[in-house]
Amino acid sequence: MKGLTIKQYAVQNKIPIFNVVKMIKSDQLEFETRKIEGKDEIFILSAKLTPEVKKEGYSREIDYKKAYFELNAKYDALLRKVNGEV
């Protein structure tokens, strides 16, 4: 069965090697240990080559121009209140 080394997997998915090792330790990736030239090498199997990515953040679009003007109005009101202007 074909597999990728830890370094190959990290390069292919553009993530640090340390994160690949963490994913292997937490069983997020299927792997197999093979003896190559007397050393144990870890190969990530092709069954689960891409990790599941969680999308974080807001699900709605933000109108930044509108938000800027609302925040600016609040800021101006606060400045007037602090400076004693009505």
N, C-alpha and C. Protein backbone atom coordinates (compact mmCIF):
# COMPACT_ATOMS: atom_id res chain seq x y z
N MET A 1 0.84 -1.18 0.00
CA MET A 1 0.00 0.00 0.00
C MET A 1 0.89 1.24 0.00
N LYS A 2 0.54 2.21 -0.83
CA LYS A 2 1.36 3.41 -0.95
C LYS A 2 1.05 4.36 0.21
N GLY A 3 2.07 5.07 0.63
CA GLY A 3 1.90 6.03 1.70
C GLY A 3 2.91 7.15 1.58
N LEU A 4 2.70 8.19 2.36
CA LEU A 4 3.60 9.33 2.37
C LEU A 4 4.36 9.38 3.70
N THR A 5 5.59 9.84 3.64
CA THR A 5 6.32 10.05 4.89
C THR A 5 5.75 11.30 5.57
N ILE A 6 6.15 11.50 6.80
CA ILE A 6 5.66 12.66 7.55
C ILE A 6 6.06 13.95 6.83
N LYS A 7 7.28 14.02 6.37
CA LYS A 7 7.77 15.22 5.69
C LYS A 7 7.01 15.45 4.38
N GLN A 8 6.78 14.41 3.61
CA GLN A 8 6.05 14.55 2.36
C GLN A 8 4.62 15.03 2.60
N TYR A 9 3.99 14.47 3.63
CA TYR A 9 2.62 14.88 3.97
C TYR A 9 2.57 16.34 4.39
N ALA A 10 3.55 16.76 5.18
CA ALA A 10 3.59 18.14 5.65
C ALA A 10 3.78 19.11 4.49
N VAL A 11 4.65 18.77 3.56
CA VAL A 11 4.90 19.63 2.41
C VAL A 11 3.65 19.68 1.52
N GLN A 12 3.03 18.54 1.31
CA GLN A 12 1.87 18.47 0.43
C GLN A 12 0.70 19.29 0.98
N ASN A 13 0.51 19.26 2.29
CA ASN A 13 -0.62 19.96 2.91
C ASN A 13 -0.24 21.31 3.50
N LYS A 14 1.02 21.71 3.33
CA LYS A 14 1.53 23.01 3.78
C LYS A 14 1.28 23.24 5.26
N ILE A 15 1.65 22.26 6.07
CA ILE A 15 1.56 22.37 7.52
C ILE A 15 2.88 21.94 8.13
N PRO A 16 3.19 22.41 9.35
CA PRO A 16 4.46 22.03 9.98
C PRO A 16 4.52 20.53 10.30
N ILE A 17 5.73 20.01 10.29
CA ILE A 17 5.95 18.59 10.61
C ILE A 17 5.46 18.28 12.02
N PHE A 18 5.68 19.22 12.94
CA PHE A 18 5.24 19.04 14.32
C PHE A 18 3.72 18.79 14.38
N ASN A 19 2.95 19.53 13.57
CA ASN A 19 1.50 19.35 13.57
C ASN A 19 1.10 17.99 12.99
N VAL A 20 1.86 17.51 12.01
CA VAL A 20 1.59 16.19 11.44
C VAL A 20 1.82 15.12 12.51
N VAL A 21 2.89 15.26 13.28
CA VAL A 21 3.18 14.30 14.35
C VAL A 21 2.06 14.33 15.40
N LYS A 22 1.59 15.54 15.74
CA LYS A 22 0.48 15.66 16.69
C LYS A 22 -0.78 14.99 16.16
N MET A 23 -1.03 15.13 14.85
CA MET A 23 -2.21 14.52 14.25
C MET A 23 -2.10 13.00 14.27
N ILE A 24 -0.89 12.48 14.09
CA ILE A 24 -0.69 11.03 14.14
C ILE A 24 -0.91 10.54 15.56
N LYS A 25 -0.36 11.25 16.55
CA LYS A 25 -0.49 10.83 17.95
C LYS A 25 -1.95 10.87 18.42
N SER A 26 -2.75 11.80 17.87
CA SER A 26 -4.15 11.91 18.30
C SER A 26 -5.08 11.10 17.39
N ASP A 27 -4.53 10.23 16.56
CA ASP A 27 -5.29 9.33 15.68
C ASP A 27 -6.18 10.06 14.69
N GLN A 28 -5.78 11.23 14.23
CA GLN A 28 -6.52 11.92 13.19
C GLN A 28 -6.10 11.43 11.81
N LEU A 29 -4.94 10.78 11.72
CA LEU A 29 -4.44 10.25 10.46
C LEU A 29 -4.18 8.76 10.59
N GLU A 30 -4.47 8.03 9.52
CA GLU A 30 -4.12 6.61 9.50
C GLU A 30 -2.66 6.50 9.10
N PHE A 31 -1.92 5.67 9.83
CA PHE A 31 -0.50 5.52 9.52
C PHE A 31 -0.09 4.07 9.71
N GLU A 32 1.08 3.79 9.21
CA GLU A 32 1.65 2.45 9.32
C GLU A 32 3.15 2.60 9.54
N THR A 33 3.72 1.76 10.39
CA THR A 33 5.15 1.80 10.66
C THR A 33 5.81 0.70 9.86
N ARG A 34 6.84 1.07 9.09
CA ARG A 34 7.57 0.10 8.27
C ARG A 34 9.05 0.18 8.63
N LYS A 35 9.74 -0.94 8.51
CA LYS A 35 11.19 -0.98 8.72
C LYS A 35 11.88 -0.73 7.39
N ILE A 36 12.66 0.34 7.36
CA ILE A 36 13.43 0.67 6.16
C ILE A 36 14.86 0.90 6.58
N GLU A 37 15.76 0.07 6.05
CA GLU A 37 17.18 0.11 6.37
C GLU A 37 17.43 0.06 7.87
N GLY A 38 16.67 -0.76 8.57
CA GLY A 38 16.86 -0.95 10.00
C GLY A 38 16.20 0.10 10.87
N LYS A 39 15.54 1.08 10.28
CA LYS A 39 14.87 2.13 11.05
C LYS A 39 13.36 2.00 10.88
N ASP A 40 12.63 2.36 11.93
CA ASP A 40 11.18 2.41 11.84
C ASP A 40 10.78 3.73 11.21
N GLU A 41 10.08 3.65 10.09
CA GLU A 41 9.59 4.84 9.39
C GLU A 41 8.07 4.84 9.46
N ILE A 42 7.50 6.01 9.69
CA ILE A 42 6.05 6.14 9.73
C ILE A 42 5.58 6.62 8.37
N PHE A 43 4.59 5.92 7.80
CA PHE A 43 4.00 6.29 6.53
C PHE A 43 2.52 6.56 6.74
N ILE A 44 2.07 7.68 6.23
CA ILE A 44 0.67 8.04 6.31
C ILE A 44 -0.02 7.41 5.12
N LEU A 45 -1.07 6.65 5.40
CA LEU A 45 -1.76 5.92 4.36
C LEU A 45 -2.64 6.86 3.54
N SER A 46 -2.90 6.46 2.32
CA SER A 46 -3.63 7.33 1.40
C SER A 46 -5.13 7.36 1.65
N ALA A 47 -5.63 6.58 2.59
CA ALA A 47 -7.06 6.56 2.85
C ALA A 47 -7.56 7.89 3.41
N LYS A 48 -6.78 8.54 4.27
CA LYS A 48 -7.17 9.80 4.88
C LYS A 48 -6.08 10.83 4.65
N LEU A 49 -5.84 11.21 3.42
CA LEU A 49 -4.70 12.07 3.15
C LEU A 49 -4.92 13.52 3.57
N THR A 50 -6.13 13.99 3.56
CA THR A 50 -6.35 15.38 3.94
C THR A 50 -7.06 15.45 5.27
N PRO A 51 -6.56 16.25 6.20
CA PRO A 51 -7.21 16.36 7.51
C PRO A 51 -8.51 17.13 7.40
N GLU A 52 -9.41 16.87 8.34
CA GLU A 52 -10.67 17.60 8.37
C GLU A 52 -10.41 18.99 8.94
N VAL A 53 -10.81 19.98 8.20
CA VAL A 53 -10.57 21.37 8.61
C VAL A 53 -11.86 21.94 9.15
N LYS A 54 -11.77 22.51 10.34
CA LYS A 54 -12.93 23.14 10.95
C LYS A 54 -12.94 24.60 10.55
N LYS A 55 -14.08 25.04 10.07
CA LYS A 55 -14.21 26.45 9.71
C LYS A 55 -14.67 27.21 10.93
N GLU A 56 -13.91 28.21 11.27
CA GLU A 56 -14.24 29.02 12.43
C GLU A 56 -14.57 30.42 11.96
N GLY A 57 -15.33 31.11 12.77
CA GLY A 57 -15.63 32.50 12.45
C GLY A 57 -17.12 32.71 12.25
N TYR A 58 -17.42 33.83 11.68
CA TYR A 58 -18.81 34.22 11.48
C TYR A 58 -19.33 33.63 10.18
N SER A 59 -20.59 33.28 10.19
CA SER A 59 -21.20 32.72 8.99
C SER A 59 -21.84 33.81 8.14
N ARG A 60 -21.95 35.04 8.67
CA ARG A 60 -22.58 36.11 7.90
C ARG A 60 -21.52 37.10 7.44
N GLU A 61 -21.85 37.79 6.37
CA GLU A 61 -20.95 38.79 5.83
C GLU A 61 -21.05 40.07 6.65
N ILE A 62 -19.96 40.79 6.77
CA ILE A 62 -19.92 42.02 7.54
C ILE A 62 -19.75 43.18 6.58
N ASP A 63 -20.62 44.20 6.72
CA ASP A 63 -20.49 45.41 5.93
C ASP A 63 -19.56 46.34 6.71
N TYR A 64 -18.30 46.35 6.33
CA TYR A 64 -17.29 47.08 7.09
C TYR A 64 -17.49 48.59 7.02
N LYS A 65 -17.97 49.10 5.90
CA LYS A 65 -18.19 50.52 5.76
C LYS A 65 -19.27 50.99 6.73
N LYS A 66 -20.37 50.24 6.80
CA LYS A 66 -21.46 50.56 7.72
C LYS A 66 -20.99 50.46 9.17
N ALA A 67 -20.25 49.42 9.47
CA ALA A 67 -19.75 49.22 10.84
C ALA A 67 -18.80 50.35 11.23
N TYR A 68 -17.99 50.82 10.28
CA TYR A 68 -17.06 51.91 10.55
C TYR A 68 -17.81 53.18 10.93
N PHE A 69 -18.83 53.52 10.16
CA PHE A 69 -19.57 54.75 10.42
C PHE A 69 -20.35 54.66 11.74
N GLU A 70 -20.88 53.48 12.06
CA GLU A 70 -21.57 53.31 13.35
C GLU A 70 -20.60 53.48 14.51
N LEU A 71 -19.44 52.88 14.40
CA LEU A 71 -18.43 52.98 15.45
C LEU A 71 -17.90 54.41 15.57
N ASN A 72 -17.72 55.08 14.44
CA ASN A 72 -17.23 56.45 14.44
C ASN A 72 -18.26 57.38 15.11
N ALA A 73 -19.55 57.14 14.86
CA ALA A 73 -20.59 57.96 15.49
C ALA A 73 -20.57 57.76 17.01
N LYS A 74 -20.41 56.52 17.45
CA LYS A 74 -20.33 56.25 18.89
C LYS A 74 -19.09 56.92 19.50
N TYR A 75 -18.00 56.89 18.78
CA TYR A 75 -16.76 57.50 19.25
C TYR A 75 -16.93 59.01 19.38
N ASP A 76 -17.53 59.64 18.39
CA ASP A 76 -17.75 61.09 18.43
C ASP A 76 -18.67 61.46 19.60
N ALA A 77 -19.73 60.66 19.80
CA ALA A 77 -20.65 60.92 20.91
C ALA A 77 -19.91 60.80 22.24
N LEU A 78 -19.05 59.82 22.39
CA LEU A 78 -18.29 59.64 23.61
C LEU A 78 -17.33 60.80 23.84
N LEU A 79 -16.68 61.27 22.78
CA LEU A 79 -15.77 62.42 22.90
C LEU A 79 -16.53 63.67 23.35
N ARG A 80 -17.71 63.89 22.77
CA ARG A 80 -18.51 65.05 23.16
C ARG A 80 -18.93 64.95 24.64
N LYS A 81 -19.26 63.73 25.07
CA LYS A 81 -19.68 63.52 26.46
C LYS A 81 -18.52 63.77 27.42
N VAL A 82 -17.33 63.30 27.08
CA VAL A 82 -16.14 63.45 27.93
C VAL A 82 -15.70 64.91 27.99
N ASN A 83 -15.77 65.60 26.86
CA ASN A 83 -15.31 66.98 26.80
C ASN A 83 -16.35 67.96 27.34
N GLY A 84 -17.53 67.50 27.69
CA GLY A 84 -18.55 68.36 28.26
C GLY A 84 -19.43 69.04 27.25
N GLU A 85 -19.26 68.70 25.99
CA GLU A 85 -20.12 69.25 24.95
C GLU A 85 -21.41 68.45 24.88
N VAL A 86 -22.46 69.09 24.50
CA VAL A 86 -23.75 68.38 24.42
C VAL A 86 -24.19 68.18 23.03
